[in-house]
C-alpha atoms as a PDB file:
ATOM      1  CA  MET A   1      -0.023   0.107  -0.209  1.00  0.00           C
ATOM      2  CA  PHE A   2       2.913   2.307   0.623  1.00  0.00           C
ATOM      3  CA  ALA A   3       4.122   1.951  -2.694  1.00  0.00           C
ATOM      4  CA  ALA A   4       0.838   2.284  -4.348  1.00  0.00           C
ATOM      5  CA  ARG A   5       0.203   5.710  -2.590  1.00  0.00           C
ATOM      6  CA  GLY A   6       3.722   6.789  -3.449  1.00  0.00           C
ATOM      7  CA  VAL A   7       3.148   6.048  -7.364  1.00  0.00           C
ATOM      8  CA  ALA A   8      -0.411   7.599  -7.065  1.00  0.00           C
ATOM      9  CA  VAL A   9       0.819  10.838  -5.057  1.00  0.00           C
ATOM     10  CA  SER A  10       3.813  10.897  -7.611  1.00  0.00           C
ATOM     11  CA  LEU A  11       1.777  11.000 -10.706  1.00  0.00           C
ATOM     12  CA  SER A  12      -0.955  13.373  -9.106  1.00  0.00           C
ATOM     13  CA  VAL A  13       1.733  15.799  -8.401  1.00  0.00           C
ATOM     14  CA  PHE A  14       3.040  15.471 -12.070  1.00  0.00           C
ATOM     15  CA  VAL A  15      -0.312  15.722 -13.702  1.00  0.00           C
ATOM     16  CA  ILE A  16      -1.415  18.909 -11.484  1.00  0.00           C
ATOM     17  CA  THR A  17       1.937  20.471 -12.300  1.00  0.00           C
ATOM     18  CA  TYR A  18       2.035  19.726 -16.008  1.00  0.00           C
ATOM     19  CA  CYS A  19      -1.594  20.918 -16.545  1.00  0.00           C
ATOM     20  CA  ALA A  20      -1.248  23.948 -14.798  1.00  0.00           C
ATOM     21  CA  LEU A  21       1.816  24.894 -16.796  1.00  0.00           C
ATOM     22  CA  SER A  22       0.663  23.955 -20.062  1.00  0.00           C
ATOM     23  CA  VAL A  23      -2.596  26.133 -19.711  1.00  0.00           C
ATOM     24  CA  ALA A  24      -0.260  28.960 -18.497  1.00  0.00           C
ATOM     25  CA  ILE A  25       1.909  28.439 -21.449  1.00  0.00           C
ATOM     26  CA  CYS A  26      -1.249  28.414 -23.707  1.00  0.00           C
ATOM     27  CA  LEU A  27      -2.258  31.917 -22.570  1.00  0.00           C
ATOM     28  CA  THR A  28       1.116  33.576 -22.468  1.00  0.00           C
ATOM     29  CA  TRP A  29       3.209  32.115 -25.321  1.00  0.00           C
ATOM     30  CA  ARG A  30       1.782  34.523 -27.840  1.00  0.00           C
ATOM     31  CA  ALA A  31       2.974  37.673 -25.810  1.00  0.00           C
ATOM     32  CA  LEU A  32       6.140  36.089 -25.264  1.00  0.00           C
ATOM     33  CA  TRP A  33       6.447  35.610 -29.088  1.00  0.00           C
ATOM     34  CA  LEU A  34       5.749  39.185 -29.870  1.00  0.00           C
ATOM     35  CA  THR A  35       8.230  40.663 -27.454  1.00  0.00           C
ATOM     36  CA  CYS A  36      11.094  38.392 -29.071  1.00  0.00           C
ATOM     37  CA  GLN A  37      10.384  39.340 -32.712  1.00  0.00           C
ATOM     38  CA  ARG A  38      13.294  41.736 -32.803  1.00  0.00           C
ATOM     39  CA  HIS A  39      15.801  38.558 -32.029  1.00  0.00           C
ATOM     40  CA  PRO A  40      17.173  36.174 -34.699  1.00  0.00           C
ATOM     41  CA  VAL A  41      14.484  34.005 -35.999  1.00  0.00           C
ATOM     42  CA  ARG A  42      16.714  30.926 -34.810  1.00  0.00           C
ATOM     43  CA  ARG A  43      16.788  31.971 -31.363  1.00  0.00           C
ATOM     44  CA  ILE A  44      12.710  32.543 -31.651  1.00  0.00           C
ATOM     45  CA  ALA A  45      12.468  28.809 -32.776  1.00  0.00           C
ATOM     46  CA  ASP A  46      14.557  27.991 -29.826  1.00  0.00           C
ATOM     47  CA  MET A  47      12.368  29.732 -27.534  1.00  0.00           C
ATOM     48  CA  LEU A  48       9.023  28.387 -28.771  1.00  0.00           C
ATOM     49  CA  PHE A  49      10.485  24.981 -28.572  1.00  0.00           C
ATOM     50  CA  ALA A  50      11.608  25.232 -24.859  1.00  0.00           C
ATOM     51  CA  LEU A  51       8.262  26.893 -24.104  1.00  0.00           C
ATOM     52  CA  ARG A  52       6.497  23.845 -25.717  1.00  0.00           C
ATOM     53  CA  MET A  53       8.707  21.211 -23.708  1.00  0.00           C
ATOM     54  CA  PHE A  54       8.735  23.414 -20.431  1.00  0.00           C
ATOM     55  CA  PRO A  55       5.769  22.032 -18.895  1.00  0.00           C
ATOM     56  CA  LEU A  56       6.829  18.369 -19.165  1.00  0.00           C
ATOM     57  CA  LEU A  57      10.168  19.064 -18.094  1.00  0.00           C
ATOM     58  CA  ALA A  58       9.238  21.299 -15.277  1.00  0.00           C
ATOM     59  CA  ALA A  59       6.455  18.643 -14.066  1.00  0.00           C
ATOM     60  CA  ALA A  60       9.304  15.778 -14.117  1.00  0.00           C
ATOM     61  CA  LEU A  61      11.588  17.963 -12.184  1.00  0.00           C
ATOM     62  CA  ILE A  62       9.313  18.827  -9.644  1.00  0.00           C
ATOM     63  CA  THR A  63       8.039  15.404  -9.241  1.00  0.00           C
ATOM     64  CA  ALA A  64      11.293  13.849  -8.814  1.00  0.00           C
ATOM     65  CA  VAL A  65      12.983  16.656  -6.898  1.00  0.00           C
ATOM     66  CA  PHE A  66      10.285  17.557  -4.270  1.00  0.00           C
ATOM     67  CA  ALA A  67       7.274  15.056  -4.527  1.00  0.00           C
ATOM     68  CA  VAL A  68       9.091  11.824  -4.569  1.00  0.00           C
ATOM     69  CA  PRO A  69      11.763  12.650  -1.783  1.00  0.00           C
ATOM     70  CA  SER A  70       9.215  14.330   0.317  1.00  0.00           C
ATOM     71  CA  PHE A  71       7.009  11.036   0.559  1.00  0.00           C
ATOM     72  CA  LEU A  72       9.715   8.562   0.846  1.00  0.00           C
ATOM     73  CA  LEU A  73      11.536  10.703   3.528  1.00  0.00           C
ATOM     74  CA  LEU A  74       8.237  11.830   5.540  1.00  0.00           C
ATOM     75  CA  GLU A  75       5.552   9.464   4.906  1.00  0.00           C
ATOM     76  CA  PRO A  76       5.248   7.019   7.734  1.00  0.00           C
ATOM     77  CA  ARG A  77       5.616   3.475   6.370  1.00  0.00           C
ATOM     78  CA  THR A  78       3.670   1.810   9.355  1.00  0.00           C
ATOM     79  CA  ILE A  79       0.184   3.687   8.829  1.00  0.00           C
ATOM     80  CA  ASP A  80      -2.230   1.628   6.603  1.00  0.00           C
ATOM     81  CA  GLU A  81      -4.259   4.503   4.882  1.00  0.00           C
ATOM     82  CA  PRO A  82      -6.515   3.959   2.258  1.00  0.00           C
ATOM     83  CA  LEU A  83      -5.889   5.276  -1.080  1.00  0.00           C
ATOM     84  CA  GLY A  84      -8.397   8.610  -1.697  1.00  0.00           C
ATOM     85  CA  GLY A  85     -10.352   8.715  -4.993  1.00  0.00           C
ATOM     86  CA  ILE A  86      -8.495  12.076  -5.999  1.00  0.00           C
ATOM     87  CA  PRO A  87      -4.955  10.874  -6.144  1.00  0.00           C
ATOM     88  CA  LEU A  88      -6.204   7.491  -7.673  1.00  0.00           C
ATOM     89  CA  MET A  89      -7.995   9.396 -10.533  1.00  0.00           C
ATOM     90  CA  LEU A  90      -5.072  11.670 -11.071  1.00  0.00           C
ATOM     91  CA  GLY A  91      -2.854   8.694 -11.116  1.00  0.00           C
ATOM     92  CA  ILE A  92      -4.818   7.205 -13.896  1.00  0.00           C
ATOM     93  CA  CYS A  93      -4.646  10.588 -15.869  1.00  0.00           C
ATOM     94  CA  GLY A  94      -1.085  10.779 -15.449  1.00  0.00           C
ATOM     95  CA  ALA A  95      -0.625   7.120 -16.692  1.00  0.00           C
ATOM     96  CA  GLY A  96      -3.090   8.008 -19.523  1.00  0.00           C
ATOM     97  CA  LEU A  97      -0.991  11.003 -20.574  1.00  0.00           C
ATOM     98  CA  GLY A  98       1.979   8.927 -20.842  1.00  0.00           C
ATOM     99  CA  PHE A  99       0.121   6.147 -22.845  1.00  0.00           C
ATOM    100  CA  PHE A 100      -1.298   8.559 -25.536  1.00  0.00           C
ATOM    101  CA  GLY A 101       1.848  10.405 -25.724  1.00  0.00           C
ATOM    102  CA  VAL A 102       3.827   7.148 -26.694  1.00  0.00           C
ATOM    103  CA  LEU A 103       1.079   5.876 -28.876  1.00  0.00           C
ATOM    104  CA  ASN A 104       0.913   9.429 -30.661  1.00  0.00           C
ATOM    105  CA  ALA A 105       4.625   9.368 -31.294  1.00  0.00           C
ATOM    106  CA  VAL A 106       4.713   5.728 -32.634  1.00  0.00           C
ATOM    107  CA  ILE A 107       1.818   6.103 -35.025  1.00  0.00           C
ATOM    108  CA  ALA A 108       3.605   9.262 -36.222  1.00  0.00           C
ATOM    109  CA  LEU A 109       6.936   7.109 -36.702  1.00  0.00           C
ATOM    110  CA  ARG A 110       5.259   4.181 -38.405  1.00  0.00           C
ATOM    111  CA  GLN A 111       3.444   6.508 -40.748  1.00  0.00           C
ATOM    112  CA  THR A 112       6.472   8.668 -41.724  1.00  0.00           C
ATOM    113  CA  ALA A 113       8.594   5.448 -42.117  1.00  0.00           C
ATOM    114  CA  ARG A 114       6.093   3.985 -44.411  1.00  0.00           C
ATOM    115  CA  ALA A 115       6.057   7.231 -46.488  1.00  0.00           C
ATOM    116  CA  VAL A 116       9.845   7.573 -46.929  1.00  0.00           C
ATOM    117  CA  SER A 117      10.063   3.919 -47.709  1.00  0.00           C
ATOM    118  CA  THR A 118       7.665   4.650 -50.638  1.00  0.00           C
ATOM    119  CA  TRP A 119       9.559   7.499 -51.529  1.00  0.00           C
ATOM    120  CA  THR A 120      13.043   6.016 -51.201  1.00  0.00           C
ATOM    121  CA  THR A 121      12.128   3.006 -53.686  1.00  0.00           C
ATOM    122  CA  GLU A 122      14.645   2.705 -56.608  1.00  0.00           C
ATOM    123  CA  ALA A 123      16.509   5.884 -54.888  1.00  0.00           C
ATOM    124  CA  GLN A 124      19.943   6.276 -55.931  1.00  0.00           C
ATOM    125  CA  PRO A 125      22.692   8.242 -53.865  1.00  0.00           C
ATOM    126  CA  VAL A 126      23.876  11.646 -55.140  1.00  0.00           C
ATOM    127  CA  ASN A 127      27.495  12.846 -54.816  1.00  0.00           C
ATOM    128  CA  ALA A 128      26.546  16.409 -53.130  1.00  0.00           C
ATOM    129  CA  CYS A 129      29.741  16.784 -51.340  1.00  0.00           C
ATOM    130  CA  SER A 130      27.985  17.192 -47.947  1.00  0.00           C
ATOM    131  CA  SER A 131      28.222  15.311 -44.612  1.00  0.00           C
ATOM    132  CA  VAL A 132      24.584  14.372 -45.216  1.00  0.00           C
ATOM    133  CA  PRO A 133      23.802  11.655 -47.593  1.00  0.00           C
ATOM    134  CA  VAL A 134      21.512  12.814 -50.601  1.00  0.00           C
ATOM    135  CA  LEU A 135      19.269  10.503 -52.537  1.00  0.00           C
ATOM    136  CA  ARG A 136      17.760  11.294 -55.705  1.00  0.00           C
ATOM    137  CA  ILE A 137      14.235   9.854 -55.858  1.00  0.00           C
ATOM    138  CA  PRO A 138      12.030   9.092 -59.072  1.00  0.00           C
ATOM    139  CA  ARG A 139       9.022  10.892 -57.534  1.00  0.00           C
ATOM    140  CA  ALA A 140       8.208  14.720 -58.125  1.00  0.00           C
ATOM    141  CA  VAL A 141       6.965  15.122 -54.622  1.00  0.00           C
ATOM    142  CA  PRO A 142       8.472  15.605 -52.336  1.00  0.00           C
ATOM    143  CA  ALA A 143      10.954  17.951 -54.284  1.00  0.00           C
ATOM    144  CA  LEU A 144      13.279  18.227 -51.251  1.00  0.00           C
ATOM    145  CA  THR A 145      12.858  16.745 -47.782  1.00  0.00           C
ATOM    146  CA  ALA A 146      15.271  15.734 -44.748  1.00  0.00           C
ATOM    147  CA  ALA A 147      14.069  12.535 -43.539  1.00  0.00           C
ATOM    148  CA  GLY A 148      15.137  10.278 -40.881  1.00  0.00           C
ATOM    149  CA  ILE A 149      16.016  10.671 -37.047  1.00  0.00           C
ATOM    150  CA  ILE A 150      18.603   8.264 -36.235  1.00  0.00           C
ATOM    151  CA  GLN A 151      20.137   8.133 -39.776  1.00  0.00           C
ATOM    152  CA  PRO A 152      19.024  11.330 -41.566  1.00  0.00           C
ATOM    153  CA  ARG A 153      19.228  11.781 -45.223  1.00  0.00           C
ATOM    154  CA  VAL A 154      18.008  14.469 -47.775  1.00  0.00           C
ATOM    155  CA  LEU A 155      15.748  13.148 -50.492  1.00  0.00           C
ATOM    156  CA  MET A 156      15.895  14.995 -53.716  1.00  0.00           C
ATOM    157  CA  SER A 157      13.458  14.537 -56.607  1.00  0.00           C
ATOM    158  CA  GLY A 158      14.786  14.218 -59.868  1.00  0.00           C
ATOM    159  CA  VAL A 159      12.352  17.155 -60.807  1.00  0.00           C
ATOM    160  CA  ALA A 160      14.029  19.345 -58.575  1.00  0.00           C
ATOM    161  CA  GLU A 161      17.393  18.588 -59.976  1.00  0.00           C
ATOM    162  CA  VAL A 162      16.275  19.336 -63.441  1.00  0.00           C
ATOM    163  CA  LEU A 163      14.135  22.692 -62.408  1.00  0.00           C
ATOM    164  CA  LEU A 164      16.793  24.395 -60.561  1.00  0.00           C
ATOM    165  CA  THR A 165      19.974  26.125 -61.328  1.00  0.00           C
ATOM    166  CA  GLY A 166      22.962  25.015 -59.592  1.00  0.00           C
ATOM    167  CA  ASN A 167      23.192  27.763 -57.229  1.00  0.00           C
ATOM    168  CA  GLU A 168      19.334  27.320 -56.399  1.00  0.00           C
ATOM    169  CA  LEU A 169      19.994  23.483 -55.812  1.00  0.00           C
ATOM    170  CA  LYS A 170      22.875  24.274 -53.802  1.00  0.00           C
ATOM    171  CA  THR A 171      21.042  26.732 -51.442  1.00  0.00           C
ATOM    172  CA  ALA A 172      18.004  24.464 -50.950  1.00  0.00           C
ATOM    173  CA  LEU A 173      20.202  21.512 -50.042  1.00  0.00           C
ATOM    174  CA  LYS A 174      21.831  23.801 -47.478  1.00  0.00           C
ATOM    175  CA  HIS A 175      18.353  24.456 -45.961  1.00  0.00           C
ATOM    176  CA  GLU A 176      17.583  20.557 -45.754  1.00  0.00           C
ATOM    177  CA  ILE A 177      21.025  20.141 -44.225  1.00  0.00           C
ATOM    178  CA  GLU A 178      20.523  22.699 -41.555  1.00  0.00           C
ATOM    179  CA  HIS A 179      17.172  20.975 -40.637  1.00  0.00           C
ATOM    180  CA  VAL A 180      19.446  17.729 -40.177  1.00  0.00           C
ATOM    181  CA  ARG A 181      22.074  19.596 -38.225  1.00  0.00           C
ATOM    182  CA  ARG A 182      19.310  20.939 -35.744  1.00  0.00           C
ATOM    183  CA  ARG A 183      17.566  17.758 -35.621  1.00  0.00           C
ATOM    184  CA  ASP A 184      14.290  19.268 -36.212  1.00  0.00           C
ATOM    185  CA  ASN A 185      12.915  15.892 -37.173  1.00  0.00           C
ATOM    186  CA  LEU A 186      13.590  14.556 -33.464  1.00  0.00           C
ATOM    187  CA  ARG A 187      12.145  17.721 -32.084  1.00  0.00           C
ATOM    188  CA  LYS A 188       8.949  16.863 -34.096  1.00  0.00           C
ATOM    189  CA  LEU A 189       8.885  13.520 -32.582  1.00  0.00           C
ATOM    190  CA  LEU A 190       9.244  15.067 -29.090  1.00  0.00           C
ATOM    191  CA  LEU A 191       6.260  17.458 -29.734  1.00  0.00           C
ATOM    192  CA  ARG A 192       4.191  14.005 -30.314  1.00  0.00           C
ATOM    193  CA  LEU A 193       5.052  12.839 -27.056  1.00  0.00           C
ATOM    194  CA  VAL A 194       3.817  16.337 -25.265  1.00  0.00           C
ATOM    195  CA  SER A 195       0.233  16.505 -27.245  1.00  0.00           C
ATOM    196  CA  PHE A 196      -1.740  18.942 -25.100  1.00  0.00           C
ATOM    197  CA  PRO A 197      -5.035  20.656 -26.261  1.00  0.00           C
ATOM    198  CA  GLY A 198      -4.723  24.487 -27.197  1.00  0.00           C
ATOM    199  CA  MET A 199      -1.061  23.905 -28.198  1.00  0.00           C
ATOM    200  CA  ARG A 200      -1.440  23.929 -32.175  1.00  0.00           C
ATOM    201  CA  GLY A 201      -0.855  27.824 -32.249  1.00  0.00           C
ATOM    202  CA  LEU A 202       2.351  27.415 -30.631  1.00  0.00           C
ATOM    203  CA  GLU A 203       3.367  24.394 -32.859  1.00  0.00           C
ATOM    204  CA  ALA A 204       2.423  26.014 -35.847  1.00  0.00           C
ATOM    205  CA  ALA A 205       4.553  29.153 -34.943  1.00  0.00           C
ATOM    206  CA  TRP A 206       7.392  26.920 -34.129  1.00  0.00           C
ATOM    207  CA  LEU A 207       7.340  25.161 -37.442  1.00  0.00           C
ATOM    208  CA  GLU A 208       7.350  28.254 -39.506  1.00  0.00           C
ATOM    209  CA  ALA A 209      10.211  29.796 -37.252  1.00  0.00           C
ATOM    210  CA  ILE A 210      12.406  26.522 -38.063  1.00  0.00           C
ATOM    211  CA  GLU A 211      11.836  27.106 -41.720  1.00  0.00           C
ATOM    212  CA  MET A 212      12.953  30.639 -41.596  1.00  0.00           C
ATOM    213  CA  ALA A 213      15.926  29.774 -39.538  1.00  0.00           C
ATOM    214  CA  ALA A 214      16.820  27.132 -41.737  1.00  0.00           C
ATOM    215  CA  ASP A 215      16.532  29.742 -44.642  1.00  0.00           C
ATOM    216  CA  ASP A 216      18.738  32.097 -42.655  1.00  0.00           C
ATOM    217  CA  ALA A 217      21.589  29.509 -42.259  1.00  0.00           C
ATOM    218  CA  ALA A 218      21.381  28.498 -45.828  1.00  0.00           C
ATOM    219  CA  VAL A 219      21.939  32.322 -47.101  1.00  0.00           C
ATOM    220  CA  SER A 220      24.744  34.548 -46.493  1.00  0.00           C
ATOM    221  CA  SER A 221      24.060  37.229 -49.428  1.00  0.00           C
ATOM    222  CA  ALA A 222      21.099  38.814 -51.055  1.00  0.00           C
ATOM    223  CA  GLY A 223      21.900  36.514 -54.105  1.00  0.00           C
ATOM    224  CA  GLU A 224      21.678  33.402 -52.336  1.00  0.00           C
ATOM    225  CA  ALA A 225      18.539  34.617 -50.739  1.00  0.00           C
ATOM    226  CA  LEU A 226      17.136  35.465 -54.143  1.00  0.00           C
ATOM    227  CA  ASP A 227      18.302  31.822 -55.363  1.00  0.00           C
ATOM    228  CA  LEU A 228      16.493  30.303 -52.398  1.00  0.00           C
ATOM    229  CA  ALA A 229      13.437  32.075 -53.079  1.00  0.00           C
ATOM    230  CA  ALA A 230      13.356  31.049 -56.805  1.00  0.00           C
ATOM    231  CA  ALA A 231      13.608  27.287 -55.614  1.00  0.00           C
ATOM    232  CA  LEU A 232      10.636  27.896 -53.286  1.00  0.00           C
ATOM    233  CA  ILE A 233       8.619  29.546 -56.058  1.00  0.00           C
ATOM    234  CA  LYS A 234       9.499  26.886 -58.806  1.00  0.00           C
ATOM    235  CA  LEU A 235       9.036  23.927 -56.619  1.00  0.00           C
ATOM    236  CA  SER A 236       5.965  25.078 -55.010  1.00  0.00           C
ATOM    237  CA  ARG A 237       3.838  24.335 -58.175  1.00  0.00           C
ATOM    238  CA  PHE A 238       4.292  20.562 -57.241  1.00  0.00           C
ATOM    239  CA  GLY A 239       2.626  21.139 -53.891  1.00  0.00           C
ATOM    240  CA  PRO A 240       3.977  19.652 -50.367  1.00  0.00           C
ATOM    241  CA  ALA A 241       3.983  16.077 -49.699  1.00  0.00           C
ATOM    242  CA  GLU A 242       1.195  14.035 -48.903  1.00  0.00           C
ATOM    243  CA  ALA A 243      -0.145  13.802 -45.256  1.00  0.00           C
ATOM    244  CA  GLY A 244       1.456  10.952 -43.200  1.00  0.00           C
ATOM    245  CA  ALA A 245       5.115  12.286 -42.973  1.00  0.00           C
ATOM    246  CA  ASP A 246       4.870  14.842 -40.672  1.00  0.00           C
ATOM    247  CA  LEU A 247       8.241  13.800 -39.188  1.00  0.00           C
ATOM    248  CA  THR A 248      10.193  15.083 -42.125  1.00  0.00           C
ATOM    249  CA  ALA A 249      11.135  18.547 -43.073  1.00  0.00           C
ATOM    250  CA  ALA A 250      10.107  19.437 -46.731  1.00  0.00           C
ATOM    251  CA  LEU A 251      11.344  22.671 -48.387  1.00  0.00           C
ATOM    252  CA  VAL A 252       7.806  23.047 -49.687  1.00  0.00           C
ATOM    253  CA  HIS A 253       5.314  22.738 -46.968  1.00  0.00           C
ATOM    254  CA  ARG A 254       1.746  23.995 -45.997  1.00  0.00           C
ATOM    255  CA  PRO A 255       0.392  26.434 -45.156  1.00  0.00           C
ATOM    256  CA  VAL A 256       0.499  28.282 -48.609  1.00  0.00           C
ATOM    257  CA  SER A 257       0.450  31.831 -46.281  1.00  0.00           C
ATOM    258  CA  ALA A 258       3.626  30.630 -44.349  1.00  0.00           C
ATOM    259  CA  MET A 259       5.370  29.779 -47.927  1.00  0.00           C
ATOM    260  CA  ASN A 260       4.872  33.118 -49.308  1.00  0.00           C
ATOM    261  CA  ALA A 261       5.949  34.770 -46.058  1.00  0.00           C
ATOM    262  CA  ARG A 262       9.030  33.059 -46.440  1.00  0.00           C
ATOM    263  CA  VAL A 263       9.365  34.127 -50.178  1.00  0.00           C
ATOM    264  CA  THR A 264       8.764  37.731 -49.164  1.00  0.00           C
ATOM    265  CA  ARG A 265      11.462  37.496 -46.507  1.00  0.00           C
ATOM    266  CA  LEU A 266      13.949  36.107 -48.700  1.00  0.00           C
ATOM    267  CA  ILE A 267      13.375  38.736 -51.536  1.00  0.00           C
ATOM    268  CA  ALA A 268      13.478  41.546 -48.664  1.00  0.00           C
ATOM    269  CA  TRP A 269      17.152  39.744 -47.462  1.00  0.00           C
ATOM    270  CA  THR A 270      19.744  42.609 -46.678  1.00  0.00           C
ATOM    271  CA  ASP A 271      23.386  41.988 -45.643  1.00  0.00           C
ATOM    272  CA  ASP A 272      22.773  43.810 -42.452  1.00  0.00           C
ATOM    273  CA  ARG A 273      20.642  40.805 -41.204  1.00  0.00           C
ATOM    274  CA  LEU A 274      23.641  38.952 -40.422  1.00  0.00           C
ATOM    275  CA  ALA A 275      24.949  41.611 -38.104  1.00  0.00           C
ATOM    276  CA  SER A 276      21.751  41.305 -36.070  1.00  0.00           C
ATOM    277  CA  HIS A 277      22.816  37.310 -35.068  1.00  0.00           C
ATOM    278  CA  TYR A 278      24.365  38.380 -31.842  1.00  0.00           C
ATOM    279  CA  THR A 279      24.816  35.768 -29.266  1.00  0.00           C
ATOM    280  CA  LEU A 280      23.999  36.008 -25.357  1.00  0.00           C
ATOM    281  CA  SER A 281      26.667  35.291 -23.279  1.00  0.00           C
ATOM    282  CA  PRO A 282      26.348  31.725 -21.363  1.00  0.00           C
ATOM    283  CA  TRP A 283      27.531  33.498 -18.155  1.00  0.00           C
ATOM    284  CA  TYR A 284      24.138  34.974 -17.579  1.00  0.00           C
ATOM    285  CA  GLY A 285      22.256  31.639 -17.901  1.00  0.00           C
ATOM    286  CA  ILE A 286      25.007  29.978 -15.579  1.00  0.00           C
ATOM    287  CA  GLY A 287      24.541  32.742 -12.919  1.00  0.00           C
ATOM    288  CA  ALA A 288      20.834  32.327 -12.883  1.00  0.00           C
ATOM    289  CA  VAL A 289      20.977  28.575 -12.474  1.00  0.00           C
ATOM    290  CA  LEU A 290      23.621  28.955  -9.568  1.00  0.00           C
ATOM    291  CA  ALA A 291      21.394  31.567  -7.833  1.00  0.00           C
ATOM    292  CA  VAL A 292      18.425  29.177  -8.227  1.00  0.00           C
ATOM    293  CA  VAL A 293      20.400  25.967  -6.826  1.00  0.00           C
ATOM    294  CA  ALA A 294      21.729  28.141  -3.920  1.00  0.00           C
ATOM    295  CA  VAL A 295      18.191  29.335  -2.864  1.00  0.00           C
ATOM    296  CA  PHE A 296      16.911  25.630  -3.102  1.00  0.00           C
ATOM    297  CA  ALA A 297      19.853  24.480  -1.126  1.00  0.00           C
ATOM    298  CA  VAL A 298      18.857  26.701   1.866  1.00  0.00           C
ATOM    299  CA  THR A 299      15.366  26.167   1.638  1.00  0.00           C
ATOM    300  CA  TYR A 300      15.161  22.669   0.595  1.00  0.00           C
ATOM    301  CA  SER A 301      13.963  20.743   3.987  1.00  0.00           C
ATOM    302  CA  GLN A 302      11.356  23.489   4.559  1.00  0.00           C
ATOM    303  CA  LEU A 303      10.119  22.857   0.682  1.00  0.00           C
ATOM    304  CA  LEU A 304      10.073  19.187   1.516  1.00  0.00           C
ATOM    305  CA  VAL A 305       7.861  19.586   4.656  1.00  0.00           C
ATOM    306  CA  ARG A 306       5.399  21.866   2.693  1.00  0.00           C
ATOM    307  CA  VAL A 307       5.225  19.686  -0.142  1.00  0.00           C
ATOM    308  CA  HIS A 308       4.327  16.607   1.985  1.00  0.00           C
ATOM    309  CA  THR A 309       1.718  18.530   4.000  1.00  0.00           C
ATOM    310  CA  ALA A 310       0.276  19.480   0.410  1.00  0.00           C
ATOM    311  CA  THR A 311       0.216  15.931  -0.643  1.00  0.00           C
ATOM    312  CA  GLU A 312      -1.084  14.794   2.521  1.00  0.00           C
ATOM    313  CA  TRP A 313      -4.240  16.762   1.806  1.00  0.00           C
ATOM    314  CA  LEU A 314      -4.423  15.554  -1.478  1.00  0.00           C
ATOM    315  CA  VAL A 315      -4.445  12.003  -0.198  1.00  0.00           C
ATOM    316  CA  ARG A 316      -7.092  12.474   2.382  1.00  0.00           C
END
């Protein structure tokens, strides 16, 4: 009974924290996103992904650092208390969240693997002078896409190879290789694990940001920006890949409004955009982490007592 109560209490704390933080992110992410518009788009993409994953990571950390130790250290093992209905229901919800998250990720993996397997039938390797393997596929769609998580590769249609000029193709391949380098397909899989109602807007903003971030990484001059814009316009006539391959990063994607925004942004590209890509000193983050650790080190025992009091109320 002690172990069952511990599991139920831990899952209850996780579910309450996870749902509360997820609702808070749903209500505040747009304001944070708007205030960060002056920053480089790569940083915006990282910020949006961090916001999306924050509820899961914070809930897991709070449960592991506070809920579990407080129960193990302060809960009497000799008292045989019945398990209340609230922690039992919350525990079931926590297990359900984990189960459906894993199921969602597995379904996305299987659908993507099936689609990529169909695309790569009769594929041929291309000597593209890059660290990422490039395969020529006989299909027209997808024109260019980064596929794979453990063994990533770039799939290039023969149509794209014929339609694009040498500079356009080179810049488009650099865009896809940037997706591989940033492990965007893995990040998409992680988002499938943490599905939560109301997060579609945040995820759509992140998807748009990672495409623009890959555009910036592929472009270093106004000429290259125009080459990439031309590649997008030429390949957009064939449309994006069919649904069922969400864990890939295609050069041409939905919605059309996002594609138009990318083309407009590339046409308006200026050389001084590179100068805005400043980096924040890591010492600020290190200092903040050390300050938080110091505060918790001083108050940790008191926090455990308060957490245990709260979980006692929850159990009863």
